[in-house]
Amino acid sequence: MIKHKPKIPTGPTSGRVKEEERNVGVAAFLYAASREADNDFHLIVGRDHTLAPEMYMTMEVSGLPPKGNPTFDFKDLDSARRAFKKFFGTKLPA
């Protein structure tokens, strides 16, 4: 994504590029999670740490716009966020 053509804007109002408009599933261990100021959850996932070489990647459960916003209709993303929150329950990362 660093070499994406055209260059991906980094401003707070930048939209998503085509490659970001899909969901994927992976089988991995969750090593760390945090809730960011933009309401995203950032995750560090990876394979079993006893395997060589160790492999980790950063993932994101994106935040949603306010419910009154006309772009709120993100059913898949809302579903993913609800599942993430349900999994953690009272121990949701802050």
PDB file of N, CA and C in Angstrom:
ATOM      1  N   MET A   1       0.818  -1.185   0.000  1.00  0.00           N
ATOM      2  CA  MET A   1       0.000   0.000   0.000  1.00  0.00           C
ATOM      3  C   MET A   1       0.877   1.272   0.000  1.00  0.00           C
ATOM      4  N   ILE A   2       2.097   1.131   0.487  1.00  0.00           N
ATOM      5  CA  ILE A   2       3.002   2.277   0.502  1.00  0.00           C
ATOM      6  C   ILE A   2       3.276   2.767  -0.918  1.00  0.00           C
ATOM      7  N   LYS A   3       3.374   1.830  -1.870  1.00  0.00           N
ATOM      8  CA  LYS A   3       3.661   2.186  -3.261  1.00  0.00           C
ATOM      9  C   LYS A   3       2.400   2.272  -4.115  1.00  0.00           C
ATOM     10  N   HIS A   4       1.253   2.394  -3.478  1.00  0.00           N
ATOM     11  CA  HIS A   4      -0.038   2.439  -4.197  1.00  0.00           C
ATOM     12  C   HIS A   4      -0.068   3.591  -5.188  1.00  0.00           C
ATOM     13  N   LYS A   5      -0.593   3.322  -6.354  1.00  0.00           N
ATOM     14  CA  LYS A   5      -0.795   4.353  -7.381  1.00  0.00           C
ATOM     15  C   LYS A   5      -2.282   4.484  -7.631  1.00  0.00           C
ATOM     16  N   PRO A   6      -2.885   5.649  -7.462  1.00  0.00           N
ATOM     17  CA  PRO A   6      -2.273   6.870  -6.950  1.00  0.00           C
ATOM     18  C   PRO A   6      -1.981   6.754  -5.450  1.00  0.00           C
ATOM     19  N   LYS A   7      -1.135   7.643  -4.976  1.00  0.00           N
ATOM     20  CA  LYS A   7      -0.761   7.670  -3.562  1.00  0.00           C
ATOM     21  C   LYS A   7      -2.016   7.796  -2.704  1.00  0.00           C
ATOM     22  N   ILE A   8      -2.064   7.054  -1.610  1.00  0.00           N
ATOM     23  CA  ILE A   8      -3.219   7.067  -0.713  1.00  0.00           C
ATOM     24  C   ILE A   8      -3.119   8.266   0.218  1.00  0.00           C
ATOM     25  N   PRO A   9      -4.148   9.115   0.255  1.00  0.00           N
ATOM     26  CA  PRO A   9      -4.120  10.259   1.174  1.00  0.00           C
ATOM     27  C   PRO A   9      -4.142   9.776   2.624  1.00  0.00           C
ATOM     28  N   THR A  10      -3.572  10.549   3.508  1.00  0.00           N
ATOM     29  CA  THR A  10      -3.504  10.155   4.915  1.00  0.00           C
ATOM     30  C   THR A  10      -4.316  11.065   5.825  1.00  0.00           C
ATOM     31  N   GLY A  11      -5.049  12.009   5.254  1.00  0.00           N
ATOM     32  CA  GLY A  11      -5.840  12.937   6.062  1.00  0.00           C
ATOM     33  C   GLY A  11      -7.029  12.262   6.729  1.00  0.00           C
ATOM     34  N   PRO A  12      -7.582  12.898   7.758  1.00  0.00           N
ATOM     35  CA  PRO A  12      -8.694  12.310   8.516  1.00  0.00           C
ATOM     36  C   PRO A  12      -9.973  12.147   7.702  1.00  0.00           C
ATOM     37  N   THR A  13     -10.095  12.834   6.576  1.00  0.00           N
ATOM     38  CA  THR A  13     -11.310  12.717   5.769  1.00  0.00           C
ATOM     39  C   THR A  13     -11.080  11.922   4.481  1.00  0.00           C
ATOM     40  N   SER A  14      -9.913  11.294   4.363  1.00  0.00           N
ATOM     41  CA  SER A  14      -9.637  10.523   3.140  1.00  0.00           C
ATOM     42  C   SER A  14     -10.528   9.290   3.079  1.00  0.00           C
ATOM     43  N   GLY A  15     -10.926   8.919   1.881  1.00  0.00           N
ATOM     44  CA  GLY A  15     -11.765   7.744   1.689  1.00  0.00           C
ATOM     45  C   GLY A  15     -10.928   6.477   1.582  1.00  0.00           C
ATOM     46  N   ARG A  16     -11.607   5.375   1.431  1.00  0.00           N
ATOM     47  CA  ARG A  16     -10.928   4.091   1.285  1.00  0.00           C
ATOM     48  C   ARG A  16     -10.596   3.840  -0.184  1.00  0.00           C
ATOM     49  N   VAL A  17      -9.510   3.140  -0.421  1.00  0.00           N
ATOM     50  CA  VAL A  17      -9.165   2.727  -1.777  1.00  0.00           C
ATOM     51  C   VAL A  17      -9.796   1.363  -2.033  1.00  0.00           C
ATOM     52  N   LYS A  18      -9.861   0.973  -3.301  1.00  0.00           N
ATOM     53  CA  LYS A  18     -10.528  -0.266  -3.697  1.00  0.00           C
ATOM     54  C   LYS A  18     -10.066  -1.476  -2.871  1.00  0.00           C
ATOM     55  N   GLU A  19      -8.785  -1.580  -2.630  1.00  0.00           N
ATOM     56  CA  GLU A  19      -8.228  -2.720  -1.904  1.00  0.00           C
ATOM     57  C   GLU A  19      -8.718  -2.803  -0.460  1.00  0.00           C
ATOM     58  N   GLU A  20      -9.214  -1.695   0.073  1.00  0.00           N
ATOM     59  CA  GLU A  20      -9.694  -1.673   1.457  1.00  0.00           C
ATOM     60  C   GLU A  20     -11.196  -1.925   1.571  1.00  0.00           C
ATOM     61  N   GLU A  21     -11.858  -2.112   0.468  1.00  0.00           N
ATOM     62  CA  GLU A  21     -13.311  -2.250   0.483  1.00  0.00           C
ATOM     63  C   GLU A  21     -13.765  -3.706   0.467  1.00  0.00           C
ATOM     64  N   ARG A  22     -13.081  -4.529   1.209  1.00  0.00           N
ATOM     65  CA  ARG A  22     -13.488  -5.920   1.335  1.00  0.00           C
ATOM     66  C   ARG A  22     -13.040  -6.444   2.691  1.00  0.00           C
ATOM     67  N   ASN A  23     -13.716  -7.452   3.166  1.00  0.00           N
ATOM     68  CA  ASN A  23     -13.365  -8.097   4.422  1.00  0.00           C
ATOM     69  C   ASN A  23     -12.683  -9.417   4.122  1.00  0.00           C
ATOM     70  N   VAL A  24     -11.771  -9.812   4.979  1.00  0.00           N
ATOM     71  CA  VAL A  24     -11.092 -11.092   4.843  1.00  0.00           C
ATOM     72  C   VAL A  24     -11.125 -11.809   6.189  1.00  0.00           C
ATOM     73  N   GLY A  25     -10.925 -13.103   6.154  1.00  0.00           N
ATOM     74  CA  GLY A  25     -10.833 -13.886   7.379  1.00  0.00           C
ATOM     75  C   GLY A  25      -9.475 -14.553   7.461  1.00  0.00           C
ATOM     76  N   VAL A  26      -8.926 -14.642   8.656  1.00  0.00           N
ATOM     77  CA  VAL A  26      -7.646 -15.314   8.863  1.00  0.00           C
ATOM     78  C   VAL A  26      -7.733 -16.154  10.134  1.00  0.00           C
ATOM     79  N   ALA A  27      -6.983 -17.233  10.173  1.00  0.00           N
ATOM     80  CA  ALA A  27      -6.839 -18.029  11.390  1.00  0.00           C
ATOM     81  C   ALA A  27      -5.529 -17.593  12.032  1.00  0.00           C
ATOM     82  N   ALA A  28      -5.601 -16.994  13.220  1.00  0.00           N
ATOM     83  CA  ALA A  28      -4.403 -16.450  13.852  1.00  0.00           C
ATOM     84  C   ALA A  28      -4.636 -16.280  15.344  1.00  0.00           C
ATOM     85  N   PHE A  29      -3.557 -15.994  16.049  1.00  0.00           N
ATOM     86  CA  PHE A  29      -3.627 -15.644  17.458  1.00  0.00           C
ATOM     87  C   PHE A  29      -3.711 -14.128  17.578  1.00  0.00           C
ATOM     88  N   LEU A  30      -4.485 -13.639  18.517  1.00  0.00           N
ATOM     89  CA  LEU A  30      -4.555 -12.205  18.797  1.00  0.00           C
ATOM     90  C   LEU A  30      -3.578 -11.918  19.927  1.00  0.00           C
ATOM     91  N   TYR A  31      -2.570 -11.091  19.641  1.00  0.00           N
ATOM     92  CA  TYR A  31      -1.541 -10.774  20.629  1.00  0.00           C
ATOM     93  C   TYR A  31      -1.795  -9.464  21.363  1.00  0.00           C
ATOM     94  N   ALA A  32      -2.418  -8.514  20.707  1.00  0.00           N
ATOM     95  CA  ALA A  32      -2.688  -7.230  21.350  1.00  0.00           C
ATOM     96  C   ALA A  32      -3.830  -6.545  20.622  1.00  0.00           C
ATOM     97  N   ALA A  33      -4.565  -5.703  21.352  1.00  0.00           N
ATOM     98  CA  ALA A  33      -5.653  -4.935  20.751  1.00  0.00           C
ATOM     99  C   ALA A  33      -5.785  -3.624  21.508  1.00  0.00           C
ATOM    100  N   SER A  34      -6.137  -2.572  20.779  1.00  0.00           N
ATOM    101  CA  SER A  34      -6.357  -1.269  21.408  1.00  0.00           C
ATOM    102  C   SER A  34      -7.423  -0.514  20.640  1.00  0.00           C
ATOM    103  N   ARG A  35      -8.123   0.352  21.350  1.00  0.00           N
ATOM    104  CA  ARG A  35      -9.102   1.235  20.717  1.00  0.00           C
ATOM    105  C   ARG A  35      -8.421   2.573  20.506  1.00  0.00           C
ATOM    106  N   GLU A  36      -8.483   3.046  19.273  1.00  0.00           N
ATOM    107  CA  GLU A  36      -7.794   4.281  18.913  1.00  0.00           C
ATOM    108  C   GLU A  36      -8.731   5.482  18.998  1.00  0.00           C
ATOM    109  N   ALA A  37      -8.166   6.676  18.947  1.00  0.00           N
ATOM    110  CA  ALA A  37      -8.939   7.912  19.058  1.00  0.00           C
ATOM    111  C   ALA A  37      -9.966   8.062  17.937  1.00  0.00           C
ATOM    112  N   ASP A  38      -9.716   7.441  16.771  1.00  0.00           N
ATOM    113  CA  ASP A  38     -10.658   7.539  15.648  1.00  0.00           C
ATOM    114  C   ASP A  38     -11.734   6.450  15.710  1.00  0.00           C
ATOM    115  N   ASN A  39     -11.827   5.747  16.860  1.00  0.00           N
ATOM    116  CA  ASN A  39     -12.817   4.707  17.116  1.00  0.00           C
ATOM    117  C   ASN A  39     -12.516   3.398  16.392  1.00  0.00           C
ATOM    118  N   ASP A  40     -11.332   3.261  15.806  1.00  0.00           N
ATOM    119  CA  ASP A  40     -10.892   1.994  15.222  1.00  0.00           C
ATOM    120  C   ASP A  40     -10.353   1.107  16.341  1.00  0.00           C
ATOM    121  N   PHE A  41     -10.401  -0.188  16.134  1.00  0.00           N
ATOM    122  CA  PHE A  41      -9.683  -1.121  16.985  1.00  0.00           C
ATOM    123  C   PHE A  41      -8.488  -1.604  16.177  1.00  0.00           C
ATOM    124  N   HIS A  42      -7.297  -1.471  16.728  1.00  0.00           N
ATOM    125  CA  HIS A  42      -6.090  -1.952  16.073  1.00  0.00           C
ATOM    126  C   HIS A  42      -5.678  -3.258  16.739  1.00  0.00           C
ATOM    127  N   LEU A  43      -5.343  -4.255  15.929  1.00  0.00           N
ATOM    128  CA  LEU A  43      -5.029  -5.585  16.422  1.00  0.00           C
ATOM    129  C   LEU A  43      -3.652  -6.003  15.932  1.00  0.00           C
ATOM    130  N   ILE A  44      -2.927  -6.703  16.771  1.00  0.00           N
ATOM    131  CA  ILE A  44      -1.693  -7.364  16.352  1.00  0.00           C
ATOM    132  C   ILE A  44      -2.013  -8.856  16.381  1.00  0.00           C
ATOM    133  N   VAL A  45      -1.964  -9.490  15.214  1.00  0.00           N
ATOM    134  CA  VAL A  45      -2.257 -10.919  15.108  1.00  0.00           C
ATOM    135  C   VAL A  45      -1.049 -11.624  14.509  1.00  0.00           C
ATOM    136  N   GLY A  46      -0.969 -12.903  14.716  1.00  0.00           N
ATOM    137  CA  GLY A  46       0.135 -13.656  14.157  1.00  0.00           C
ATOM    138  C   GLY A  46      -0.066 -15.141  14.327  1.00  0.00           C
ATOM    139  N   ARG A  47       0.858 -15.879  13.764  1.00  0.00           N
ATOM    140  CA  ARG A  47       0.780 -17.320  13.936  1.00  0.00           C
ATOM    141  C   ARG A  47       1.420 -17.699  15.262  1.00  0.00           C
ATOM    142  N   ASP A  48       1.409 -18.963  15.583  1.00  0.00           N
ATOM    143  CA  ASP A  48       1.979 -19.479  16.823  1.00  0.00           C
ATOM    144  C   ASP A  48       3.408 -18.956  16.983  1.00  0.00           C
ATOM    145  N   HIS A  49       3.691 -18.315  18.095  1.00  0.00           N
ATOM    146  CA  HIS A  49       5.003 -17.682  18.292  1.00  0.00           C
ATOM    147  C   HIS A  49       6.131 -18.697  18.413  1.00  0.00           C
ATOM    148  N   THR A  50       5.817 -19.977  18.591  1.00  0.00           N
ATOM    149  CA  THR A  50       6.871 -20.995  18.679  1.00  0.00           C
ATOM    150  C   THR A  50       7.349 -21.452  17.305  1.00  0.00           C
ATOM    151  N   LEU A  51       6.641 -21.051  16.254  1.00  0.00           N
ATOM    152  CA  LEU A  51       7.051 -21.407  14.895  1.00  0.00           C
ATOM    153  C   LEU A  51       8.046 -20.378  14.361  1.00  0.00           C
ATOM    154  N   ALA A  52       8.980 -20.835  13.557  1.00  0.00           N
ATOM    155  CA  ALA A  52       9.966 -19.921  12.978  1.00  0.00           C
ATOM    156  C   ALA A  52       9.727 -19.827  11.473  1.00  0.00           C
ATOM    157  N   PRO A  53       9.854 -18.654  10.911  1.00  0.00           N
ATOM    158  CA  PRO A  53      10.040 -17.388  11.599  1.00  0.00           C
ATOM    159  C   PRO A  53       8.725 -16.907  12.204  1.00  0.00           C
ATOM    160  N   GLU A  54       8.833 -16.100  13.251  1.00  0.00           N
ATOM    161  CA  GLU A  54       7.635 -15.501  13.826  1.00  0.00           C
ATOM    162  C   GLU A  54       7.029 -14.569  12.784  1.00  0.00           C
ATOM    163  N   MET A  55       5.712 -14.540  12.702  1.00  0.00           N
ATOM    164  CA  MET A  55       5.021 -13.673  11.735  1.00  0.00           C
ATOM    165  C   MET A  55       3.870 -12.971  12.426  1.00  0.00           C
ATOM    166  N   TYR A  56       3.839 -11.659  12.293  1.00  0.00           N
ATOM    167  CA  TYR A  56       2.793 -10.836  12.884  1.00  0.00           C
ATOM    168  C   TYR A  56       2.311  -9.833  11.847  1.00  0.00           C
ATOM    169  N   MET A  57       1.100  -9.371  12.011  1.00  0.00           N
ATOM    170  CA  MET A  57       0.604  -8.299  11.153  1.00  0.00           C
ATOM    171  C   MET A  57      -0.380  -7.445  11.944  1.00  0.00           C
ATOM    172  N   THR A  58      -0.518  -6.221  11.513  1.00  0.00           N
ATOM    173  CA  THR A  58      -1.473  -5.308  12.114  1.00  0.00           C
ATOM    174  C   THR A  58      -2.776  -5.392  11.340  1.00  0.00           C
ATOM    175  N   MET A  59      -3.876  -5.446  12.064  1.00  0.00           N
ATOM    176  CA  MET A  59      -5.203  -5.457  11.442  1.00  0.00           C
ATOM    177  C   MET A  59      -6.028  -4.352  12.088  1.00  0.00           C
ATOM    178  N   GLU A  60      -7.130  -4.053  11.459  1.00  0.00           N
ATOM    179  CA  GLU A  60      -7.984  -2.986  11.975  1.00  0.00           C
ATOM    180  C   GLU A  60      -9.448  -3.380  11.839  1.00  0.00           C
ATOM    181  N   VAL A  61     -10.198  -3.122  12.898  1.00  0.00           N
ATOM    182  CA  VAL A  61     -11.656  -3.163  12.828  1.00  0.00           C
ATOM    183  C   VAL A  61     -12.053  -1.693  12.783  1.00  0.00           C
ATOM    184  N   SER A  62     -12.456  -1.233  11.611  1.00  0.00           N
ATOM    185  CA  SER A  62     -12.676   0.191  11.389  1.00  0.00           C
ATOM    186  C   SER A  62     -13.828   0.749  12.209  1.00  0.00           C
ATOM    187  N   GLY A  63     -13.694   2.027  12.560  1.00  0.00           N
ATOM    188  CA  GLY A  63     -14.768   2.737  13.229  1.00  0.00           C
ATOM    189  C   GLY A  63     -15.879   3.054  12.239  1.00  0.00           C
ATOM    190  N   LEU A  64     -17.041   3.370  12.760  1.00  0.00           N
ATOM    191  CA  LEU A  64     -18.187   3.728  11.931  1.00  0.00           C
ATOM    192  C   LEU A  64     -18.482   5.214  12.060  1.00  0.00           C
ATOM    193  N   PRO A  65     -19.052   5.819  11.024  1.00  0.00           N
ATOM    194  CA  PRO A  65     -19.481   7.214  11.159  1.00  0.00           C
ATOM    195  C   PRO A  65     -20.678   7.277  12.114  1.00  0.00           C
ATOM    196  N   PRO A  66     -21.023   8.461  12.613  1.00  0.00           N
ATOM    197  CA  PRO A  66     -22.187   8.590  13.493  1.00  0.00           C
ATOM    198  C   PRO A  66     -23.446   8.062  12.822  1.00  0.00           C
ATOM    199  N   LYS A  67     -24.386   7.517  13.599  1.00  0.00           N
ATOM    200  CA  LYS A  67     -25.586   6.893  13.043  1.00  0.00           C
ATOM    201  C   LYS A  67     -26.411   7.828  12.168  1.00  0.00           C
ATOM    202  N   GLY A  68     -26.386   9.114  12.395  1.00  0.00           N
ATOM    203  CA  GLY A  68     -27.139  10.056  11.580  1.00  0.00           C
ATOM    204  C   GLY A  68     -26.491  10.352  10.238  1.00  0.00           C
ATOM    205  N   ASN A  69     -25.257   9.931  10.057  1.00  0.00           N
ATOM    206  CA  ASN A  69     -24.505  10.192   8.841  1.00  0.00           C
ATOM    207  C   ASN A  69     -25.066   9.363   7.688  1.00  0.00           C
ATOM    208  N   PRO A  70     -25.279   9.967   6.495  1.00  0.00           N
ATOM    209  CA  PRO A  70     -25.838   9.215   5.368  1.00  0.00           C
ATOM    210  C   PRO A  70     -24.957   8.063   4.889  1.00  0.00           C
ATOM    211  N   THR A  71     -23.685   8.030   5.272  1.00  0.00           N
ATOM    212  CA  THR A  71     -22.798   6.938   4.862  1.00  0.00           C
ATOM    213  C   THR A  71     -22.750   5.829   5.907  1.00  0.00           C
ATOM    214  N   PHE A  72     -23.661   5.845   6.881  1.00  0.00           N
ATOM    215  CA  PHE A  72     -23.619   4.876   7.976  1.00  0.00           C
ATOM    216  C   PHE A  72     -23.922   3.448   7.538  1.00  0.00           C
ATOM    217  N   ASP A  73     -24.525   3.228   6.410  1.00  0.00           N
ATOM    218  CA  ASP A  73     -24.996   1.906   6.008  1.00  0.00           C
ATOM    219  C   ASP A  73     -23.836   0.951   5.704  1.00  0.00           C
ATOM    220  N   PHE A  74     -23.156   0.518   6.751  1.00  0.00           N
ATOM    221  CA  PHE A  74     -22.034  -0.413   6.641  1.00  0.00           C
ATOM    222  C   PHE A  74     -22.394  -1.683   7.404  1.00  0.00           C
ATOM    223  N   LYS A  75     -23.356  -2.446   6.912  1.00  0.00           N
ATOM    224  CA  LYS A  75     -23.874  -3.598   7.645  1.00  0.00           C
ATOM    225  C   LYS A  75     -22.791  -4.617   7.983  1.00  0.00           C
ATOM    226  N   ASP A  76     -21.919  -4.937   7.029  1.00  0.00           N
ATOM    227  CA  ASP A  76     -20.873  -5.928   7.301  1.00  0.00           C
ATOM    228  C   ASP A  76     -19.904  -5.428   8.365  1.00  0.00           C
ATOM    229  N   LEU A  77     -19.508  -4.175   8.253  1.00  0.00           N
ATOM    230  CA  LEU A  77     -18.573  -3.615   9.215  1.00  0.00           C
ATOM    231  C   LEU A  77     -19.218  -3.511  10.592  1.00  0.00           C
ATOM    232  N   ASP A  78     -20.472  -3.090  10.637  1.00  0.00           N
ATOM    233  CA  ASP A  78     -21.192  -3.016  11.908  1.00  0.00           C
ATOM    234  C   ASP A  78     -21.275  -4.405  12.532  1.00  0.00           C
ATOM    235  N   SER A  79     -21.523  -5.413  11.726  1.00  0.00           N
ATOM    236  CA  SER A  79     -21.603  -6.788  12.209  1.00  0.00           C
ATOM    237  C   SER A  79     -20.253  -7.233  12.781  1.00  0.00           C
ATOM    238  N   ALA A  80     -19.168  -6.903  12.106  1.00  0.00           N
ATOM    239  CA  ALA A  80     -17.828  -7.262  12.575  1.00  0.00           C
ATOM    240  C   ALA A  80     -17.518  -6.570  13.896  1.00  0.00           C
ATOM    241  N   ARG A  81     -17.881  -5.295  14.004  1.00  0.00           N
ATOM    242  CA  ARG A  81     -17.632  -4.555  15.248  1.00  0.00           C
ATOM    243  C   ARG A  81     -18.437  -5.147  16.397  1.00  0.00           C
ATOM    244  N   ARG A  82     -19.692  -5.501  16.132  1.00  0.00           N
ATOM    245  CA  ARG A  82     -20.524  -6.096  17.192  1.00  0.00           C
ATOM    246  C   ARG A  82     -19.943  -7.431  17.656  1.00  0.00           C
ATOM    247  N   ALA A  83     -19.493  -8.257  16.711  1.00  0.00           N
ATOM    248  CA  ALA A  83     -18.901  -9.550  17.064  1.00  0.00           C
ATOM    249  C   ALA A  83     -17.623  -9.345  17.882  1.00  0.00           C
ATOM    250  N   PHE A  84     -16.806  -8.382  17.494  1.00  0.00           N
ATOM    251  CA  PHE A  84     -15.572  -8.078  18.211  1.00  0.00           C
ATOM    252  C   PHE A  84     -15.892  -7.649  19.640  1.00  0.00           C
ATOM    253  N   LYS A  85     -16.851  -6.738  19.784  1.00  0.00           N
ATOM    254  CA  LYS A  85     -17.231  -6.258  21.111  1.00  0.00           C
ATOM    255  C   LYS A  85     -17.840  -7.374  21.962  1.00  0.00           C
ATOM    256  N   LYS A  86     -18.646  -8.225  21.349  1.00  0.00           N
ATOM    257  CA  LYS A  86     -19.259  -9.340  22.078  1.00  0.00           C
ATOM    258  C   LYS A  86     -18.188 -10.311  22.570  1.00  0.00           C
ATOM    259  N   PHE A  87     -17.200 -10.587  21.727  1.00  0.00           N
ATOM    260  CA  PHE A  87     -16.119 -11.494  22.102  1.00  0.00           C
ATOM    261  C   PHE A  87     -15.420 -11.006  23.367  1.00  0.00           C
ATOM    262  N   PHE A  88     -15.122  -9.705  23.446  1.00  0.00           N
ATOM    263  CA  PHE A  88     -14.397  -9.164  24.588  1.00  0.00           C
ATOM    264  C   PHE A  88     -15.288  -8.837  25.774  1.00  0.00           C
ATOM    265  N   GLY A  89     -16.581  -8.605  25.516  1.00  0.00           N
ATOM    266  CA  GLY A  89     -17.509  -8.303  26.611  1.00  0.00           C
ATOM    267  C   GLY A  89     -17.029  -7.134  27.457  1.00  0.00           C
ATOM    268  N   THR A  90     -16.941  -7.346  28.748  1.00  0.00           N
ATOM    269  CA  THR A  90     -16.534  -6.274  29.678  1.00  0.00           C
ATOM    270  C   THR A  90     -15.044  -5.972  29.606  1.00  0.00           C
ATOM    271  N   LYS A  91     -14.284  -6.779  28.867  1.00  0.00           N
ATOM    272  CA  LYS A  91     -12.837  -6.557  28.759  1.00  0.00           C
ATOM    273  C   LYS A  91     -12.461  -5.974  27.397  1.00  0.00           C
ATOM    274  N   LEU A  92     -13.383  -5.216  26.818  1.00  0.00           N
ATOM    275  CA  LEU A  92     -13.137  -4.572  25.526  1.00  0.00           C
ATOM    276  C   LEU A  92     -11.934  -3.648  25.631  1.00  0.00           C
ATOM    277  N   PRO A  93     -10.978  -3.763  24.704  1.00  0.00           N
ATOM    278  CA  PRO A  93      -9.798  -2.893  24.754  1.00  0.00           C
ATOM    279  C   PRO A  93     -10.177  -1.415  24.732  1.00  0.00           C
ATOM    280  N   ALA A  94      -9.451  -0.645  25.536  1.00  0.00           N
ATOM    281  CA  ALA A  94      -9.699   0.796  25.611  1.00  0.00           C
ATOM    282  C   ALA A  94      -8.566   1.542  24.957  1.00  0.00           C
TER     283      ALA A  94
END
